[in-house]
Amino acid sequence: LRDEQSARYEALRDENISLREMARLAESDEGVTVPVLSSFSSSPYGTFRIGGGVAEGLQEGNVVLTPGGFVLGSITSVSQRSATVEAFFAPGKELEMRVAGVPFVAKGRGGGNARGEVPRDAKLSVGNVVTIPAFGDRPTGVIGKIESASSSAYASLFIRLPRNLDSLTHVYVLPF
């Protein structure tokens, strides 16, 4: 019984933290908070379902954010009460990004990870925030690792979302 109560407390605390982060987003943006219906791990295609649809004013192309404000993806199909979101880091998906003023193209690797190449002499470091210019330079990830060979003019950036995607219970949807 004590283990069950402890686990329930932890789950409620995590949900409370997530919803507080969403409330901060709502203060600065006009959007809607909706529950996540399916996890990333249940789809090999980099998609997931959310519990909001036409009835909540959602439509194809809306941008989906984590509770902390990082861009996850966009709505690709919508029904009356649910929608499908394609993650920007879906396997094979290419997206123009920017880090510390350096533009580059990243290719999704799935699971909240992407990879891109920048000139080797770019002054970057692990932890730098990566943004998407097409969505108002909103943050979409952080540099998790940088690899560079002395024989190459480029450095490889390994980008990740700073949140465990399978732990998401709610997301924030913006009209874009």
N, C-alpha and C. Protein backbone atom coordinates (compact mmCIF):
# COMPACT_ATOMS: atom_id res chain seq x y z
N LEU A 1 0.82 -1.19 0.00
CA LEU A 1 0.00 0.00 0.00
C LEU A 1 0.87 1.26 0.00
N ARG A 2 1.92 1.26 0.82
CA ARG A 2 2.80 2.43 0.89
C ARG A 2 3.49 2.68 -0.45
N ASP A 3 3.93 1.60 -1.13
CA ASP A 3 4.57 1.76 -2.43
C ASP A 3 3.61 2.37 -3.45
N GLU A 4 2.35 1.92 -3.40
CA GLU A 4 1.35 2.44 -4.33
C GLU A 4 1.10 3.93 -4.05
N GLN A 5 1.00 4.31 -2.80
CA GLN A 5 0.78 5.71 -2.45
C GLN A 5 1.97 6.57 -2.87
N SER A 6 3.15 6.06 -2.67
CA SER A 6 4.36 6.78 -3.05
C SER A 6 4.42 6.97 -4.57
N ALA A 7 4.11 5.92 -5.29
CA ALA A 7 4.11 6.01 -6.76
C ALA A 7 3.04 6.98 -7.25
N ARG A 8 1.87 6.96 -6.63
CA ARG A 8 0.79 7.88 -7.02
C ARG A 8 1.22 9.32 -6.73
N TYR A 9 1.86 9.55 -5.59
CA TYR A 9 2.35 10.88 -5.25
C TYR A 9 3.35 11.37 -6.31
N GLU A 10 4.31 10.51 -6.67
CA GLU A 10 5.31 10.88 -7.68
C GLU A 10 4.65 11.22 -9.01
N ALA A 11 3.67 10.43 -9.43
CA ALA A 11 2.98 10.67 -10.70
C ALA A 11 2.24 12.01 -10.67
N LEU A 12 1.56 12.28 -9.57
CA LEU A 12 0.83 13.55 -9.45
C LEU A 12 1.78 14.74 -9.39
N ARG A 13 2.89 14.57 -8.70
CA ARG A 13 3.88 15.65 -8.62
C ARG A 13 4.44 15.96 -10.00
N ASP A 14 4.79 14.93 -10.77
CA ASP A 14 5.32 15.13 -12.12
C ASP A 14 4.30 15.80 -13.02
N GLU A 15 3.04 15.38 -12.92
CA GLU A 15 1.99 15.99 -13.72
C GLU A 15 1.79 17.45 -13.33
N ASN A 16 1.86 17.75 -12.05
CA ASN A 16 1.72 19.12 -11.57
C ASN A 16 2.83 20.00 -12.13
N ILE A 17 4.06 19.51 -12.12
CA ILE A 17 5.20 20.27 -12.66
C ILE A 17 4.97 20.54 -14.14
N SER A 18 4.55 19.51 -14.87
CA SER A 18 4.31 19.65 -16.30
C SER A 18 3.22 20.69 -16.58
N LEU A 19 2.13 20.63 -15.83
CA LEU A 19 1.03 21.57 -16.05
C LEU A 19 1.42 23.00 -15.66
N ARG A 20 2.27 23.16 -14.67
CA ARG A 20 2.76 24.50 -14.32
C ARG A 20 3.59 25.07 -15.45
N GLU A 21 4.42 24.24 -16.07
CA GLU A 21 5.21 24.69 -17.22
C GLU A 21 4.28 25.11 -18.35
N MET A 22 3.21 24.35 -18.58
CA MET A 22 2.23 24.70 -19.62
C MET A 22 1.56 26.03 -19.31
N ALA A 23 1.25 26.26 -18.04
CA ALA A 23 0.60 27.52 -17.66
C ALA A 23 1.51 28.71 -17.97
N ARG A 24 2.81 28.55 -17.78
CA ARG A 24 3.75 29.62 -18.12
C ARG A 24 3.75 29.87 -19.63
N LEU A 25 3.66 28.82 -20.43
CA LEU A 25 3.57 28.99 -21.88
C LEU A 25 2.31 29.74 -22.26
N ALA A 26 1.21 29.40 -21.62
CA ALA A 26 -0.08 30.01 -21.93
C ALA A 26 -0.08 31.50 -21.61
N GLU A 27 0.74 31.92 -20.67
CA GLU A 27 0.81 33.34 -20.33
C GLU A 27 1.38 34.17 -21.48
N SER A 28 2.26 33.58 -22.28
CA SER A 28 2.92 34.33 -23.35
C SER A 28 2.44 33.97 -24.75
N ASP A 29 1.76 32.86 -24.93
CA ASP A 29 1.31 32.41 -26.24
C ASP A 29 -0.17 32.06 -26.19
N GLU A 30 -0.80 32.17 -27.35
CA GLU A 30 -2.19 31.75 -27.45
C GLU A 30 -2.23 30.34 -28.04
N GLY A 31 -2.48 29.39 -27.20
CA GLY A 31 -2.53 28.01 -27.63
C GLY A 31 -3.41 27.22 -26.68
N VAL A 32 -3.27 25.90 -26.76
CA VAL A 32 -4.10 25.03 -25.93
C VAL A 32 -3.26 23.86 -25.43
N THR A 33 -3.48 23.47 -24.17
CA THR A 33 -2.82 22.32 -23.58
C THR A 33 -3.71 21.10 -23.81
N VAL A 34 -3.11 20.02 -24.32
CA VAL A 34 -3.87 18.79 -24.57
C VAL A 34 -3.06 17.59 -24.06
N PRO A 35 -3.75 16.50 -23.73
CA PRO A 35 -3.05 15.30 -23.26
C PRO A 35 -2.43 14.52 -24.41
N VAL A 36 -1.38 13.79 -24.11
CA VAL A 36 -0.76 12.88 -25.06
C VAL A 36 -1.48 11.54 -24.93
N LEU A 37 -1.98 11.01 -26.05
CA LEU A 37 -2.74 9.76 -26.02
C LEU A 37 -1.88 8.53 -26.29
N SER A 38 -0.83 8.69 -27.09
CA SER A 38 0.06 7.56 -27.39
C SER A 38 1.50 8.02 -27.29
N SER A 39 2.37 7.14 -26.90
CA SER A 39 3.78 7.51 -26.72
C SER A 39 4.54 7.40 -28.04
N PHE A 40 5.72 8.02 -28.05
CA PHE A 40 6.59 7.94 -29.21
C PHE A 40 7.02 6.50 -29.47
N SER A 41 7.21 5.75 -28.39
CA SER A 41 7.72 4.39 -28.55
C SER A 41 6.70 3.47 -29.21
N SER A 42 5.43 3.88 -29.24
CA SER A 42 4.42 3.02 -29.87
C SER A 42 4.37 3.22 -31.39
N SER A 43 5.13 4.18 -31.92
CA SER A 43 5.15 4.42 -33.37
C SER A 43 6.58 4.47 -33.89
N PRO A 44 6.90 3.63 -34.87
CA PRO A 44 8.25 3.68 -35.44
C PRO A 44 8.42 4.82 -36.44
N TYR A 45 7.37 5.60 -36.68
CA TYR A 45 7.39 6.63 -37.71
C TYR A 45 7.58 8.04 -37.16
N GLY A 46 7.86 8.18 -35.89
CA GLY A 46 8.08 9.49 -35.31
C GLY A 46 6.79 10.29 -35.14
N THR A 47 5.67 9.57 -34.94
CA THR A 47 4.40 10.24 -34.73
C THR A 47 3.81 9.84 -33.39
N PHE A 48 2.88 10.65 -32.91
CA PHE A 48 2.12 10.31 -31.72
C PHE A 48 0.77 11.00 -31.79
N ARG A 49 -0.17 10.53 -30.97
CA ARG A 49 -1.53 11.06 -30.97
C ARG A 49 -1.74 11.95 -29.75
N ILE A 50 -2.51 13.02 -29.96
CA ILE A 50 -2.86 13.92 -28.86
C ILE A 50 -4.37 14.01 -28.72
N GLY A 51 -4.83 14.34 -27.52
CA GLY A 51 -6.25 14.40 -27.22
C GLY A 51 -6.85 15.78 -27.42
N GLY A 52 -6.71 16.30 -28.60
CA GLY A 52 -7.31 17.57 -28.98
C GLY A 52 -7.49 17.55 -30.48
N GLY A 53 -8.55 18.15 -30.96
CA GLY A 53 -8.81 18.14 -32.40
C GLY A 53 -9.56 19.38 -32.84
N VAL A 54 -10.39 19.21 -33.86
CA VAL A 54 -11.15 20.32 -34.42
C VAL A 54 -11.99 21.00 -33.34
N ALA A 55 -12.55 20.21 -32.43
CA ALA A 55 -13.39 20.77 -31.36
C ALA A 55 -12.63 21.77 -30.49
N GLU A 56 -11.32 21.61 -30.38
CA GLU A 56 -10.49 22.53 -29.59
C GLU A 56 -9.84 23.60 -30.46
N GLY A 57 -10.19 23.64 -31.74
CA GLY A 57 -9.63 24.64 -32.65
C GLY A 57 -8.31 24.25 -33.29
N LEU A 58 -7.93 22.98 -33.18
CA LEU A 58 -6.66 22.53 -33.76
C LEU A 58 -6.84 22.27 -35.25
N GLN A 59 -5.73 22.43 -35.99
CA GLN A 59 -5.75 22.15 -37.42
C GLN A 59 -4.38 21.71 -37.89
N GLU A 60 -4.33 21.15 -39.10
CA GLU A 60 -3.05 20.71 -39.66
C GLU A 60 -2.10 21.89 -39.71
N GLY A 61 -0.83 21.61 -39.37
CA GLY A 61 0.19 22.65 -39.39
C GLY A 61 0.43 23.32 -38.06
N ASN A 62 -0.47 23.13 -37.07
CA ASN A 62 -0.24 23.70 -35.75
C ASN A 62 1.06 23.14 -35.18
N VAL A 63 1.78 23.97 -34.45
CA VAL A 63 3.06 23.60 -33.86
C VAL A 63 2.82 23.04 -32.46
N VAL A 64 3.53 21.95 -32.12
CA VAL A 64 3.37 21.28 -30.84
C VAL A 64 4.66 21.44 -30.03
N LEU A 65 4.51 21.89 -28.77
CA LEU A 65 5.64 22.17 -27.89
C LEU A 65 5.63 21.26 -26.67
N THR A 66 6.81 21.04 -26.10
CA THR A 66 6.92 20.36 -24.81
C THR A 66 6.45 21.34 -23.73
N PRO A 67 6.23 20.86 -22.51
CA PRO A 67 5.86 21.77 -21.43
C PRO A 67 6.89 22.88 -21.20
N GLY A 68 8.14 22.62 -21.51
CA GLY A 68 9.19 23.63 -21.35
C GLY A 68 9.33 24.57 -22.52
N GLY A 69 8.53 24.39 -23.57
CA GLY A 69 8.54 25.30 -24.71
C GLY A 69 9.41 24.88 -25.88
N PHE A 70 9.94 23.65 -25.88
CA PHE A 70 10.73 23.17 -27.01
C PHE A 70 9.80 22.61 -28.08
N VAL A 71 10.08 22.95 -29.34
CA VAL A 71 9.26 22.49 -30.46
C VAL A 71 9.46 21.00 -30.67
N LEU A 72 8.34 20.25 -30.65
CA LEU A 72 8.38 18.81 -30.89
C LEU A 72 8.09 18.47 -32.34
N GLY A 73 7.09 19.12 -32.91
CA GLY A 73 6.66 18.80 -34.26
C GLY A 73 5.44 19.59 -34.65
N SER A 74 4.70 19.06 -35.63
CA SER A 74 3.49 19.74 -36.08
C SER A 74 2.38 18.72 -36.34
N ILE A 75 1.16 19.21 -36.30
CA ILE A 75 -0.01 18.35 -36.53
C ILE A 75 -0.10 18.03 -38.02
N THR A 76 -0.20 16.74 -38.34
CA THR A 76 -0.29 16.31 -39.74
C THR A 76 -1.69 15.86 -40.13
N SER A 77 -2.50 15.45 -39.16
CA SER A 77 -3.90 15.13 -39.44
C SER A 77 -4.70 15.38 -38.17
N VAL A 78 -5.96 15.76 -38.36
CA VAL A 78 -6.79 16.12 -37.22
C VAL A 78 -8.20 15.61 -37.41
N SER A 79 -8.78 15.09 -36.34
CA SER A 79 -10.19 14.66 -36.34
C SER A 79 -10.93 15.53 -35.32
N GLN A 80 -12.14 15.18 -35.02
CA GLN A 80 -12.95 16.00 -34.11
C GLN A 80 -12.32 16.15 -32.74
N ARG A 81 -11.79 15.06 -32.16
CA ARG A 81 -11.28 15.10 -30.78
C ARG A 81 -9.83 14.63 -30.61
N SER A 82 -9.14 14.35 -31.71
CA SER A 82 -7.74 13.93 -31.60
C SER A 82 -6.98 14.37 -32.84
N ALA A 83 -5.66 14.27 -32.76
CA ALA A 83 -4.81 14.66 -33.88
C ALA A 83 -3.53 13.84 -33.85
N THR A 84 -2.90 13.74 -35.01
CA THR A 84 -1.61 13.07 -35.14
C THR A 84 -0.53 14.13 -35.29
N VAL A 85 0.54 13.96 -34.53
CA VAL A 85 1.68 14.88 -34.57
C VAL A 85 2.87 14.15 -35.14
N GLU A 86 3.55 14.78 -36.11
CA GLU A 86 4.81 14.23 -36.61
C GLU A 86 5.94 15.00 -35.95
N ALA A 87 6.83 14.28 -35.30
CA ALA A 87 7.97 14.89 -34.62
C ALA A 87 8.96 15.42 -35.65
N PHE A 88 9.55 16.58 -35.36
CA PHE A 88 10.55 17.14 -36.26
C PHE A 88 11.81 16.30 -36.28
N PHE A 89 12.05 15.51 -35.26
CA PHE A 89 13.21 14.62 -35.23
C PHE A 89 12.84 13.21 -35.65
N ALA A 90 11.75 13.05 -36.42
CA ALA A 90 11.35 11.74 -36.94
C ALA A 90 12.46 11.22 -37.85
N PRO A 91 12.64 9.90 -37.92
CA PRO A 91 13.71 9.34 -38.75
C PRO A 91 13.64 9.83 -40.19
N GLY A 92 14.76 10.39 -40.65
CA GLY A 92 14.88 10.83 -42.04
C GLY A 92 14.35 12.23 -42.33
N LYS A 93 13.63 12.84 -41.42
CA LYS A 93 13.07 14.17 -41.65
C LYS A 93 14.19 15.21 -41.59
N GLU A 94 14.23 16.09 -42.60
CA GLU A 94 15.25 17.14 -42.64
C GLU A 94 14.62 18.48 -42.33
N LEU A 95 15.36 19.30 -41.57
CA LEU A 95 14.84 20.58 -41.13
C LEU A 95 15.98 21.59 -41.02
N GLU A 96 15.69 22.81 -41.47
CA GLU A 96 16.68 23.88 -41.32
C GLU A 96 16.67 24.36 -39.88
N MET A 97 17.86 24.44 -39.29
CA MET A 97 18.00 24.84 -37.89
C MET A 97 19.11 25.87 -37.77
N ARG A 98 19.27 26.36 -36.54
CA ARG A 98 20.33 27.33 -36.27
C ARG A 98 20.80 27.14 -34.84
N VAL A 99 22.10 27.31 -34.65
CA VAL A 99 22.69 27.25 -33.31
C VAL A 99 23.77 28.32 -33.22
N ALA A 100 23.68 29.17 -32.23
CA ALA A 100 24.65 30.26 -32.03
C ALA A 100 24.86 31.05 -33.32
N GLY A 101 23.78 31.28 -34.06
CA GLY A 101 23.86 32.06 -35.30
C GLY A 101 24.32 31.28 -36.52
N VAL A 102 24.65 30.02 -36.37
CA VAL A 102 25.14 29.19 -37.47
C VAL A 102 23.98 28.37 -38.05
N PRO A 103 23.61 28.61 -39.32
CA PRO A 103 22.54 27.82 -39.93
C PRO A 103 23.07 26.46 -40.41
N PHE A 104 22.21 25.44 -40.35
CA PHE A 104 22.57 24.12 -40.84
C PHE A 104 21.30 23.31 -41.05
N VAL A 105 21.43 22.18 -41.72
CA VAL A 105 20.31 21.28 -41.93
C VAL A 105 20.53 20.05 -41.04
N ALA A 106 19.50 19.71 -40.27
CA ALA A 106 19.58 18.53 -39.41
C ALA A 106 18.68 17.45 -39.96
N LYS A 107 19.07 16.22 -39.75
CA LYS A 107 18.29 15.07 -40.18
C LYS A 107 17.86 14.29 -38.94
N GLY A 108 16.55 14.07 -38.82
CA GLY A 108 16.02 13.34 -37.68
C GLY A 108 16.52 11.91 -37.62
N ARG A 109 16.70 11.43 -36.39
CA ARG A 109 17.15 10.06 -36.17
C ARG A 109 16.15 9.28 -35.32
N GLY A 110 15.04 9.94 -34.96
CA GLY A 110 14.03 9.29 -34.13
C GLY A 110 14.34 9.42 -32.66
N GLY A 111 13.33 9.22 -31.82
CA GLY A 111 13.51 9.23 -30.38
C GLY A 111 13.93 10.56 -29.80
N GLY A 112 13.63 11.66 -30.49
CA GLY A 112 14.02 12.98 -30.00
C GLY A 112 15.46 13.33 -30.30
N ASN A 113 16.03 12.69 -31.33
CA ASN A 113 17.43 12.92 -31.69
C ASN A 113 17.56 13.31 -33.16
N ALA A 114 18.56 14.14 -33.46
CA ALA A 114 18.85 14.54 -34.84
C ALA A 114 20.36 14.73 -34.97
N ARG A 115 20.79 14.85 -36.22
CA ARG A 115 22.21 15.04 -36.50
C ARG A 115 22.36 16.05 -37.61
N GLY A 116 23.35 16.92 -37.48
CA GLY A 116 23.62 17.91 -38.50
C GLY A 116 25.11 18.19 -38.58
N GLU A 117 25.50 18.92 -39.62
CA GLU A 117 26.90 19.28 -39.80
C GLU A 117 27.04 20.79 -39.91
N VAL A 118 28.07 21.32 -39.25
CA VAL A 118 28.38 22.74 -39.28
C VAL A 118 29.87 22.88 -39.61
N PRO A 119 30.30 24.06 -40.06
CA PRO A 119 31.74 24.25 -40.27
C PRO A 119 32.50 23.94 -38.98
N ARG A 120 33.62 23.27 -39.12
CA ARG A 120 34.39 22.83 -37.96
C ARG A 120 34.86 23.98 -37.09
N ASP A 121 35.07 25.16 -37.69
CA ASP A 121 35.55 26.29 -36.90
C ASP A 121 34.45 27.06 -36.18
N ALA A 122 33.21 26.61 -36.28
CA ALA A 122 32.11 27.26 -35.56
C ALA A 122 32.35 27.12 -34.05
N LYS A 123 32.13 28.19 -33.34
CA LYS A 123 32.36 28.21 -31.88
C LYS A 123 31.11 27.70 -31.16
N LEU A 124 31.00 26.38 -31.06
CA LEU A 124 29.85 25.74 -30.43
C LEU A 124 30.31 24.85 -29.29
N SER A 125 29.38 24.56 -28.39
CA SER A 125 29.71 23.65 -27.30
C SER A 125 28.48 22.82 -26.92
N VAL A 126 28.74 21.72 -26.26
CA VAL A 126 27.67 20.85 -25.77
C VAL A 126 26.77 21.68 -24.86
N GLY A 127 25.47 21.55 -25.06
CA GLY A 127 24.50 22.29 -24.27
C GLY A 127 23.93 23.50 -24.97
N ASN A 128 24.57 23.95 -26.09
CA ASN A 128 24.02 25.07 -26.84
C ASN A 128 22.61 24.73 -27.32
N VAL A 129 21.71 25.70 -27.27
CA VAL A 129 20.33 25.51 -27.70
C VAL A 129 20.23 25.65 -29.21
N VAL A 130 19.52 24.71 -29.83
CA VAL A 130 19.29 24.69 -31.28
C VAL A 130 17.88 25.20 -31.52
N THR A 131 17.71 26.09 -32.53
CA THR A 131 16.40 26.68 -32.81
C THR A 131 15.97 26.37 -34.24
N ILE A 132 14.67 26.62 -34.50
CA ILE A 132 14.11 26.44 -35.84
C ILE A 132 13.68 27.82 -36.34
N PRO A 133 14.40 28.37 -37.31
CA PRO A 133 14.06 29.70 -37.83
C PRO A 133 12.63 29.79 -38.39
N ALA A 134 12.14 28.73 -39.01
CA ALA A 134 10.80 28.75 -39.62
C ALA A 134 9.70 28.91 -38.58
N PHE A 135 9.99 28.67 -37.32
CA PHE A 135 9.00 28.80 -36.26
C PHE A 135 9.43 29.85 -35.24
N GLY A 136 9.88 30.98 -35.76
CA GLY A 136 10.22 32.10 -34.89
C GLY A 136 11.43 31.85 -34.02
N ASP A 137 12.35 31.02 -34.49
CA ASP A 137 13.56 30.68 -33.73
C ASP A 137 13.24 30.12 -32.35
N ARG A 138 12.15 29.36 -32.27
CA ARG A 138 11.84 28.66 -31.02
C ARG A 138 12.85 27.54 -30.81
N PRO A 139 13.19 27.24 -29.56
CA PRO A 139 14.14 26.15 -29.29
C PRO A 139 13.54 24.80 -29.65
N THR A 140 14.39 23.91 -30.18
CA THR A 140 13.92 22.57 -30.52
C THR A 140 14.81 21.47 -29.96
N GLY A 141 15.96 21.84 -29.43
CA GLY A 141 16.85 20.84 -28.86
C GLY A 141 18.11 21.47 -28.34
N VAL A 142 19.01 20.63 -27.86
CA VAL A 142 20.31 21.07 -27.40
C VAL A 142 21.38 20.16 -28.00
N ILE A 143 22.57 20.70 -28.13
CA ILE A 143 23.68 19.88 -28.61
C ILE A 143 24.08 18.93 -27.50
N GLY A 144 24.04 17.64 -27.79
CA GLY A 144 24.42 16.63 -26.81
C GLY A 144 25.85 16.15 -26.99
N LYS A 145 26.35 16.29 -28.24
CA LYS A 145 27.71 15.82 -28.53
C LYS A 145 28.17 16.47 -29.82
N ILE A 146 29.48 16.74 -29.91
CA ILE A 146 30.09 17.29 -31.12
C ILE A 146 31.26 16.40 -31.48
N GLU A 147 31.29 15.95 -32.74
CA GLU A 147 32.42 15.14 -33.22
C GLU A 147 33.05 15.84 -34.41
N SER A 148 34.37 15.85 -34.42
CA SER A 148 35.10 16.51 -35.50
C SER A 148 36.39 15.77 -35.80
N ALA A 149 36.63 15.52 -37.07
CA ALA A 149 37.89 14.89 -37.48
C ALA A 149 38.77 15.97 -38.09
N SER A 150 40.06 15.92 -37.81
CA SER A 150 40.98 16.94 -38.31
C SER A 150 41.03 16.95 -39.84
N SER A 151 40.64 15.85 -40.48
CA SER A 151 40.67 15.77 -41.93
C SER A 151 39.40 16.33 -42.58
N SER A 152 38.43 16.74 -41.79
CA SER A 152 37.16 17.23 -42.32
C SER A 152 36.97 18.71 -42.02
N ALA A 153 36.32 19.41 -42.94
CA ALA A 153 36.02 20.82 -42.74
C ALA A 153 34.76 21.00 -41.91
N TYR A 154 34.08 19.90 -41.58
CA TYR A 154 32.83 19.97 -40.86
C TYR A 154 32.89 19.21 -39.54
N ALA A 155 32.03 19.64 -38.63
CA ALA A 155 31.84 18.95 -37.35
C ALA A 155 30.41 18.41 -37.33
N SER A 156 30.24 17.22 -36.78
CA SER A 156 28.91 16.63 -36.65
C SER A 156 28.31 17.02 -35.30
N LEU A 157 27.07 17.51 -35.35
CA LEU A 157 26.35 17.84 -34.13
C LEU A 157 25.33 16.76 -33.86
N PHE A 158 25.28 16.28 -32.66
CA PHE A 158 24.25 15.32 -32.24
C PHE A 158 23.31 16.10 -31.33
N ILE A 159 22.08 16.24 -31.79
CA ILE A 159 21.09 17.09 -31.13
C ILE A 159 20.04 16.21 -30.46
N ARG A 160 19.58 16.65 -29.30
CA ARG A 160 18.56 15.89 -28.59
C ARG A 160 17.58 16.85 -27.94
N LEU A 161 16.37 16.37 -27.75
CA LEU A 161 15.40 17.12 -26.95
C LEU A 161 15.80 16.97 -25.49
N PRO A 162 15.68 18.03 -24.69
CA PRO A 162 16.10 17.93 -23.29
C PRO A 162 15.02 17.33 -22.38
N ARG A 163 14.14 16.53 -22.94
CA ARG A 163 13.08 15.91 -22.16
C ARG A 163 12.86 14.49 -22.67
N ASN A 164 12.59 13.57 -21.76
CA ASN A 164 12.28 12.20 -22.13
C ASN A 164 10.90 12.20 -22.77
N LEU A 165 10.82 11.88 -24.06
CA LEU A 165 9.56 11.95 -24.79
C LEU A 165 8.52 10.97 -24.26
N ASP A 166 8.94 9.83 -23.80
CA ASP A 166 7.99 8.84 -23.30
C ASP A 166 7.35 9.26 -21.97
N SER A 167 7.89 10.28 -21.33
CA SER A 167 7.31 10.73 -20.07
C SER A 167 6.32 11.88 -20.26
N LEU A 168 6.14 12.33 -21.49
CA LEU A 168 5.21 13.44 -21.73
C LEU A 168 3.76 13.01 -21.49
N THR A 169 3.05 13.76 -20.69
CA THR A 169 1.63 13.49 -20.48
C THR A 169 0.77 14.55 -21.15
N HIS A 170 1.33 15.75 -21.35
CA HIS A 170 0.63 16.86 -21.99
C HIS A 170 1.58 17.60 -22.91
N VAL A 171 1.03 18.22 -23.94
CA VAL A 171 1.80 19.08 -24.84
C VAL A 171 1.00 20.37 -25.03
N TYR A 172 1.66 21.38 -25.56
CA TYR A 172 1.05 22.67 -25.81
C TYR A 172 1.02 22.89 -27.32
N VAL A 173 -0.15 23.24 -27.86
CA VAL A 173 -0.32 23.40 -29.29
C VAL A 173 -0.55 24.87 -29.62
N LEU A 174 0.26 25.39 -30.55
CA LEU A 174 0.15 26.77 -31.00
C LEU A 174 -0.43 26.85 -32.39
N PRO A 175 -1.26 27.85 -32.66
CA PRO A 175 -1.68 28.07 -34.05
C PRO A 175 -0.53 28.74 -34.79
N PHE A 176 -0.04 28.13 -35.85
CA PHE A 176 1.09 28.73 -36.58
C PHE A 176 0.76 28.78 -38.03
